[in-house]
Amino acid sequence: SYCVEMAGGEATSLAGKQLSSLKSNQRLEFLGDAVLGLVAAWALYKDNPNATEGELTKMRA
């Protein structure tokens, strides 16, 4: 694997940087999925004021 010398003189592999970036992207994807789920749940809740919890859950699924 390739190495990159950092400003402090330490070397780090590009593969390590890519893995770190991938983990960060996965965490952001997790957060984004949660936000989208919240928006969908809020829209269902707002648009169906007489629906029960079970009905809202079925609509969300």
PDB file of N, CA and C in Angstrom:
ATOM      1  N   SER A   1       0.844  -1.177   0.000  1.00  0.00           N
ATOM      2  CA  SER A   1       0.000   0.000   0.000  1.00  0.00           C
ATOM      3  C   SER A   1       0.887   1.238   0.000  1.00  0.00           C
ATOM      4  N   TYR A   2       0.359   2.319  -0.526  1.00  0.00           N
ATOM      5  CA  TYR A   2       1.118   3.565  -0.610  1.00  0.00           C
ATOM      6  C   TYR A   2       1.136   4.251   0.746  1.00  0.00           C
ATOM      7  N   CYS A   3       2.194   5.027   0.969  1.00  0.00           N
ATOM      8  CA  CYS A   3       2.296   5.788   2.213  1.00  0.00           C
ATOM      9  C   CYS A   3       2.356   7.271   1.905  1.00  0.00           C
ATOM     10  N   VAL A   4       1.801   8.062   2.769  1.00  0.00           N
ATOM     11  CA  VAL A   4       1.831   9.514   2.643  1.00  0.00           C
ATOM     12  C   VAL A   4       2.501  10.057   3.887  1.00  0.00           C
ATOM     13  N   GLU A   5       3.472  10.955   3.701  1.00  0.00           N
ATOM     14  CA  GLU A   5       4.132  11.546   4.860  1.00  0.00           C
ATOM     15  C   GLU A   5       3.334  12.754   5.319  1.00  0.00           C
ATOM     16  N   MET A   6       3.013  12.772   6.565  1.00  0.00           N
ATOM     17  CA  MET A   6       2.225  13.864   7.120  1.00  0.00           C
ATOM     18  C   MET A   6       3.152  15.013   7.516  1.00  0.00           C
ATOM     19  N   ALA A   7       2.588  16.175   7.812  1.00  0.00           N
ATOM     20  CA  ALA A   7       3.368  17.363   8.161  1.00  0.00           C
ATOM     21  C   ALA A   7       4.260  17.112   9.371  1.00  0.00           C
ATOM     22  N   GLY A   8       3.814  16.312  10.310  1.00  0.00           N
ATOM     23  CA  GLY A   8       4.590  16.026  11.512  1.00  0.00           C
ATOM     24  C   GLY A   8       5.671  14.987  11.290  1.00  0.00           C
ATOM     25  N   GLY A   9       5.828  14.498  10.068  1.00  0.00           N
ATOM     26  CA  GLY A   9       6.855  13.522   9.766  1.00  0.00           C
ATOM     27  C   GLY A   9       6.385  12.086   9.881  1.00  0.00           C
ATOM     28  N   GLU A  10       5.184  11.857  10.386  1.00  0.00           N
ATOM     29  CA  GLU A  10       4.692  10.485  10.487  1.00  0.00           C
ATOM     30  C   GLU A  10       4.074  10.066   9.160  1.00  0.00           C
ATOM     31  N   ALA A  11       4.133   8.804   8.882  1.00  0.00           N
ATOM     32  CA  ALA A  11       3.591   8.285   7.627  1.00  0.00           C
ATOM     33  C   ALA A  11       2.308   7.524   7.915  1.00  0.00           C
ATOM     34  N   THR A  12       1.384   7.618   7.002  1.00  0.00           N
ATOM     35  CA  THR A  12       0.134   6.874   7.122  1.00  0.00           C
ATOM     36  C   THR A  12      -0.209   6.303   5.756  1.00  0.00           C
ATOM     37  N   SER A  13      -0.827   5.164   5.717  1.00  0.00           N
ATOM     38  CA  SER A  13      -1.138   4.533   4.438  1.00  0.00           C
ATOM     39  C   SER A  13      -2.410   5.125   3.854  1.00  0.00           C
ATOM     40  N   LEU A  14      -2.479   5.163   2.536  1.00  0.00           N
ATOM     41  CA  LEU A  14      -3.692   5.631   1.870  1.00  0.00           C
ATOM     42  C   LEU A  14      -4.852   4.698   2.169  1.00  0.00           C
ATOM     43  N   ALA A  15      -4.567   3.403   2.275  1.00  0.00           N
ATOM     44  CA  ALA A  15      -5.619   2.436   2.593  1.00  0.00           C
ATOM     45  C   ALA A  15      -6.233   2.761   3.951  1.00  0.00           C
ATOM     46  N   GLY A  16      -5.397   3.143   4.902  1.00  0.00           N
ATOM     47  CA  GLY A  16      -5.893   3.519   6.224  1.00  0.00           C
ATOM     48  C   GLY A  16      -6.765   4.753   6.164  1.00  0.00           C
ATOM     49  N   LYS A  17      -6.360   5.727   5.355  1.00  0.00           N
ATOM     50  CA  LYS A  17      -7.162   6.945   5.187  1.00  0.00           C
ATOM     51  C   LYS A  17      -8.499   6.624   4.538  1.00  0.00           C
ATOM     52  N   GLN A  18      -8.488   5.747   3.534  1.00  0.00           N
ATOM     53  CA  GLN A  18      -9.725   5.388   2.850  1.00  0.00           C
ATOM     54  C   GLN A  18     -10.667   4.659   3.796  1.00  0.00           C
ATOM     55  N   LEU A  19     -10.132   3.777   4.624  1.00  0.00           N
ATOM     56  CA  LEU A  19     -10.959   3.048   5.585  1.00  0.00           C
ATOM     57  C   LEU A  19     -11.576   4.013   6.591  1.00  0.00           C
ATOM     58  N   SER A  20     -10.790   4.959   7.056  1.00  0.00           N
ATOM     59  CA  SER A  20     -11.298   5.952   7.997  1.00  0.00           C
ATOM     60  C   SER A  20     -12.404   6.784   7.358  1.00  0.00           C
ATOM     61  N   SER A  21     -12.209   7.170   6.112  1.00  0.00           N
ATOM     62  CA  SER A  21     -13.218   7.946   5.389  1.00  0.00           C
ATOM     63  C   SER A  21     -14.485   7.125   5.188  1.00  0.00           C
ATOM     64  N   LEU A  22     -14.334   5.845   4.877  1.00  0.00           N
ATOM     65  CA  LEU A  22     -15.484   4.963   4.684  1.00  0.00           C
ATOM     66  C   LEU A  22     -16.290   4.849   5.972  1.00  0.00           C
ATOM     67  N   LYS A  23     -15.606   4.680   7.099  1.00  0.00           N
ATOM     68  CA  LYS A  23     -16.302   4.588   8.383  1.00  0.00           C
ATOM     69  C   LYS A  23     -17.064   5.877   8.670  1.00  0.00           C
ATOM     70  N   SER A  24     -16.437   7.012   8.363  1.00  0.00           N
ATOM     71  CA  SER A  24     -17.085   8.299   8.577  1.00  0.00           C
ATOM     72  C   SER A  24     -18.324   8.424   7.696  1.00  0.00           C
ATOM     73  N   ASN A  25     -18.219   8.004   6.438  1.00  0.00           N
ATOM     74  CA  ASN A  25     -19.366   8.056   5.533  1.00  0.00           C
ATOM     75  C   ASN A  25     -20.489   7.149   6.016  1.00  0.00           C
ATOM     76  N   GLN A  26     -20.139   5.996   6.554  1.00  0.00           N
ATOM     77  CA  GLN A  26     -21.159   5.074   7.057  1.00  0.00           C
ATOM     78  C   GLN A  26     -21.886   5.685   8.249  1.00  0.00           C
ATOM     79  N   ARG A  27     -21.162   6.396   9.087  1.00  0.00           N
ATOM     80  CA  ARG A  27     -21.792   7.056  10.234  1.00  0.00           C
ATOM     81  C   ARG A  27     -22.737   8.156   9.764  1.00  0.00           C
ATOM     82  N   LEU A  28     -22.313   8.915   8.748  1.00  0.00           N
ATOM     83  CA  LEU A  28     -23.180   9.959   8.203  1.00  0.00           C
ATOM     84  C   LEU A  28     -24.408   9.358   7.532  1.00  0.00           C
ATOM     85  N   GLU A  29     -24.225   8.226   6.861  1.00  0.00           N
ATOM     86  CA  GLU A  29     -25.360   7.545   6.232  1.00  0.00           C
ATOM     87  C   GLU A  29     -26.363   7.096   7.291  1.00  0.00           C
ATOM     88  N   PHE A  30     -25.855   6.570   8.397  1.00  0.00           N
ATOM     89  CA  PHE A  30     -26.713   6.161   9.512  1.00  0.00           C
ATOM     90  C   PHE A  30     -27.537   7.349  10.013  1.00  0.00           C
ATOM     91  N   LEU A  31     -26.877   8.485  10.193  1.00  0.00           N
ATOM     92  CA  LEU A  31     -27.562   9.680  10.670  1.00  0.00           C
ATOM     93  C   LEU A  31     -28.585  10.172   9.650  1.00  0.00           C
ATOM     94  N   GLY A  32     -28.209  10.161   8.382  1.00  0.00           N
ATOM     95  CA  GLY A  32     -29.127  10.585   7.325  1.00  0.00           C
ATOM     96  C   GLY A  32     -30.363   9.710   7.260  1.00  0.00           C
ATOM     97  N   ASP A  33     -30.169   8.403   7.402  1.00  0.00           N
ATOM     98  CA  ASP A  33     -31.308   7.476   7.399  1.00  0.00           C
ATOM     99  C   ASP A  33     -32.257   7.779   8.557  1.00  0.00           C
ATOM    100  N   ALA A  34     -31.686   8.097   9.713  1.00  0.00           N
ATOM    101  CA  ALA A  34     -32.517   8.415  10.880  1.00  0.00           C
ATOM    102  C   ALA A  34     -33.313   9.697  10.650  1.00  0.00           C
ATOM    103  N   VAL A  35     -32.686  10.696  10.047  1.00  0.00           N
ATOM    104  CA  VAL A  35     -33.377  11.961   9.769  1.00  0.00           C
ATOM    105  C   VAL A  35     -34.513  11.733   8.778  1.00  0.00           C
ATOM    106  N   LEU A  36     -34.252  10.968   7.719  1.00  0.00           N
ATOM    107  CA  LEU A  36     -35.304  10.684   6.739  1.00  0.00           C
ATOM    108  C   LEU A  36     -36.459   9.921   7.378  1.00  0.00           C
ATOM    109  N   GLY A  37     -36.136   8.992   8.266  1.00  0.00           N
ATOM    110  CA  GLY A  37     -37.179   8.252   8.978  1.00  0.00           C
ATOM    111  C   GLY A  37     -38.036   9.171   9.833  1.00  0.00           C
ATOM    112  N   LEU A  38     -37.402  10.127  10.493  1.00  0.00           N
ATOM    113  CA  LEU A  38     -38.132  11.087  11.315  1.00  0.00           C
ATOM    114  C   LEU A  38     -39.050  11.955  10.460  1.00  0.00           C
ATOM    115  N   VAL A  39     -38.553  12.416   9.315  1.00  0.00           N
ATOM    116  CA  VAL A  39     -39.360  13.251   8.422  1.00  0.00           C
ATOM    117  C   VAL A  39     -40.565  12.464   7.907  1.00  0.00           C
ATOM    118  N   ALA A  40     -40.343  11.212   7.528  1.00  0.00           N
ATOM    119  CA  ALA A  40     -41.446  10.374   7.040  1.00  0.00           C
ATOM    120  C   ALA A  40     -42.474  10.143   8.147  1.00  0.00           C
ATOM    121  N   ALA A  41     -42.010   9.855   9.354  1.00  0.00           N
ATOM    122  CA  ALA A  41     -42.923   9.625  10.476  1.00  0.00           C
ATOM    123  C   ALA A  41     -43.723  10.889  10.788  1.00  0.00           C
ATOM    124  N   TRP A  42     -43.072  12.039  10.769  1.00  0.00           N
ATOM    125  CA  TRP A  42     -43.765  13.297  11.056  1.00  0.00           C
ATOM    126  C   TRP A  42     -44.837  13.578  10.003  1.00  0.00           C
ATOM    127  N   ALA A  43     -44.517  13.341   8.731  1.00  0.00           N
ATOM    128  CA  ALA A  43     -45.486  13.577   7.656  1.00  0.00           C
ATOM    129  C   ALA A  43     -46.702  12.676   7.826  1.00  0.00           C
ATOM    130  N   LEU A  44     -46.480  11.408   8.142  1.00  0.00           N
ATOM    131  CA  LEU A  44     -47.598  10.488   8.362  1.00  0.00           C
ATOM    132  C   LEU A  44     -48.430  10.923   9.566  1.00  0.00           C
ATOM    133  N   TYR A  45     -47.760  11.302  10.630  1.00  0.00           N
ATOM    134  CA  TYR A  45     -48.436  11.736  11.858  1.00  0.00           C
ATOM    135  C   TYR A  45     -49.306  12.964  11.591  1.00  0.00           C
ATOM    136  N   LYS A  46     -48.736  13.924  10.880  1.00  0.00           N
ATOM    137  CA  LYS A  46     -49.434  15.182  10.593  1.00  0.00           C
ATOM    138  C   LYS A  46     -50.597  14.976   9.621  1.00  0.00           C
ATOM    139  N   ASP A  47     -50.400  14.140   8.608  1.00  0.00           N
ATOM    140  CA  ASP A  47     -51.411  13.953   7.562  1.00  0.00           C
ATOM    141  C   ASP A  47     -52.511  12.967   7.946  1.00  0.00           C
ATOM    142  N   ASN A  48     -52.339  12.237   9.031  1.00  0.00           N
ATOM    143  CA  ASN A  48     -53.319  11.229   9.457  1.00  0.00           C
ATOM    144  C   ASN A  48     -53.632  11.411  10.942  1.00  0.00           C
ATOM    145  N   PRO A  49     -54.305  12.495  11.303  1.00  0.00           N
ATOM    146  CA  PRO A  49     -54.512  12.806  12.721  1.00  0.00           C
ATOM    147  C   PRO A  49     -55.365  11.788  13.476  1.00  0.00           C
ATOM    148  N   ASN A  50     -56.169  11.005  12.777  1.00  0.00           N
ATOM    149  CA  ASN A  50     -57.029  10.032  13.453  1.00  0.00           C
ATOM    150  C   ASN A  50     -56.467   8.616  13.439  1.00  0.00           C
ATOM    151  N   ALA A  51     -55.298   8.430  12.855  1.00  0.00           N
ATOM    152  CA  ALA A  51     -54.707   7.090  12.760  1.00  0.00           C
ATOM    153  C   ALA A  51     -54.149   6.659  14.115  1.00  0.00           C
ATOM    154  N   THR A  52     -54.267   5.366  14.377  1.00  0.00           N
ATOM    155  CA  THR A  52     -53.689   4.817  15.606  1.00  0.00           C
ATOM    156  C   THR A  52     -52.194   4.591  15.398  1.00  0.00           C
ATOM    157  N   GLU A  53     -51.514   4.291  16.487  1.00  0.00           N
ATOM    158  CA  GLU A  53     -50.083   3.998  16.406  1.00  0.00           C
ATOM    159  C   GLU A  53     -49.826   2.838  15.451  1.00  0.00           C
ATOM    160  N   GLY A  54     -50.633   1.795  15.557  1.00  0.00           N
ATOM    161  CA  GLY A  54     -50.470   0.629  14.687  1.00  0.00           C
ATOM    162  C   GLY A  54     -50.674   0.966  13.218  1.00  0.00           C
ATOM    163  N   GLU A  55     -51.675   1.793  12.937  1.00  0.00           N
ATOM    164  CA  GLU A  55     -51.928   2.194  11.552  1.00  0.00           C
ATOM    165  C   GLU A  55     -50.769   3.025  11.003  1.00  0.00           C
ATOM    166  N   LEU A  56     -50.258   3.935  11.822  1.00  0.00           N
ATOM    167  CA  LEU A  56     -49.122   4.750  11.394  1.00  0.00           C
ATOM    168  C   LEU A  56     -47.893   3.879  11.133  1.00  0.00           C
ATOM    169  N   THR A  57     -47.691   2.886  11.982  1.00  0.00           N
ATOM    170  CA  THR A  57     -46.560   1.974  11.800  1.00  0.00           C
ATOM    171  C   THR A  57     -46.680   1.213  10.495  1.00  0.00           C
ATOM    172  N   LYS A  58     -47.881   0.731  10.183  1.00  0.00           N
ATOM    173  CA  LYS A  58     -48.094   0.009   8.917  1.00  0.00           C
ATOM    174  C   LYS A  58     -47.863   0.919   7.719  1.00  0.00           C
ATOM    175  N   MET A  59     -48.314   2.161   7.813  1.00  0.00           N
ATOM    176  CA  MET A  59     -48.120   3.109   6.708  1.00  0.00           C
ATOM    177  C   MET A  59     -46.640   3.421   6.497  1.00  0.00           C
ATOM    178  N   ARG A  60     -45.901   3.469   7.586  1.00  0.00           N
ATOM    179  CA  ARG A  60     -44.473   3.800   7.505  1.00  0.00           C
ATOM    180  C   ARG A  60     -43.666   2.654   6.920  1.00  0.00           C
ATOM    181  N   ALA A  61     -44.125   1.432   7.115  1.00  0.00           N
ATOM    182  CA  ALA A  61     -43.365   0.248   6.672  1.00  0.00           C
ATOM    183  C   ALA A  61     -43.354   0.040   5.195  1.00  0.00           C
TER     184      ALA A  61
END
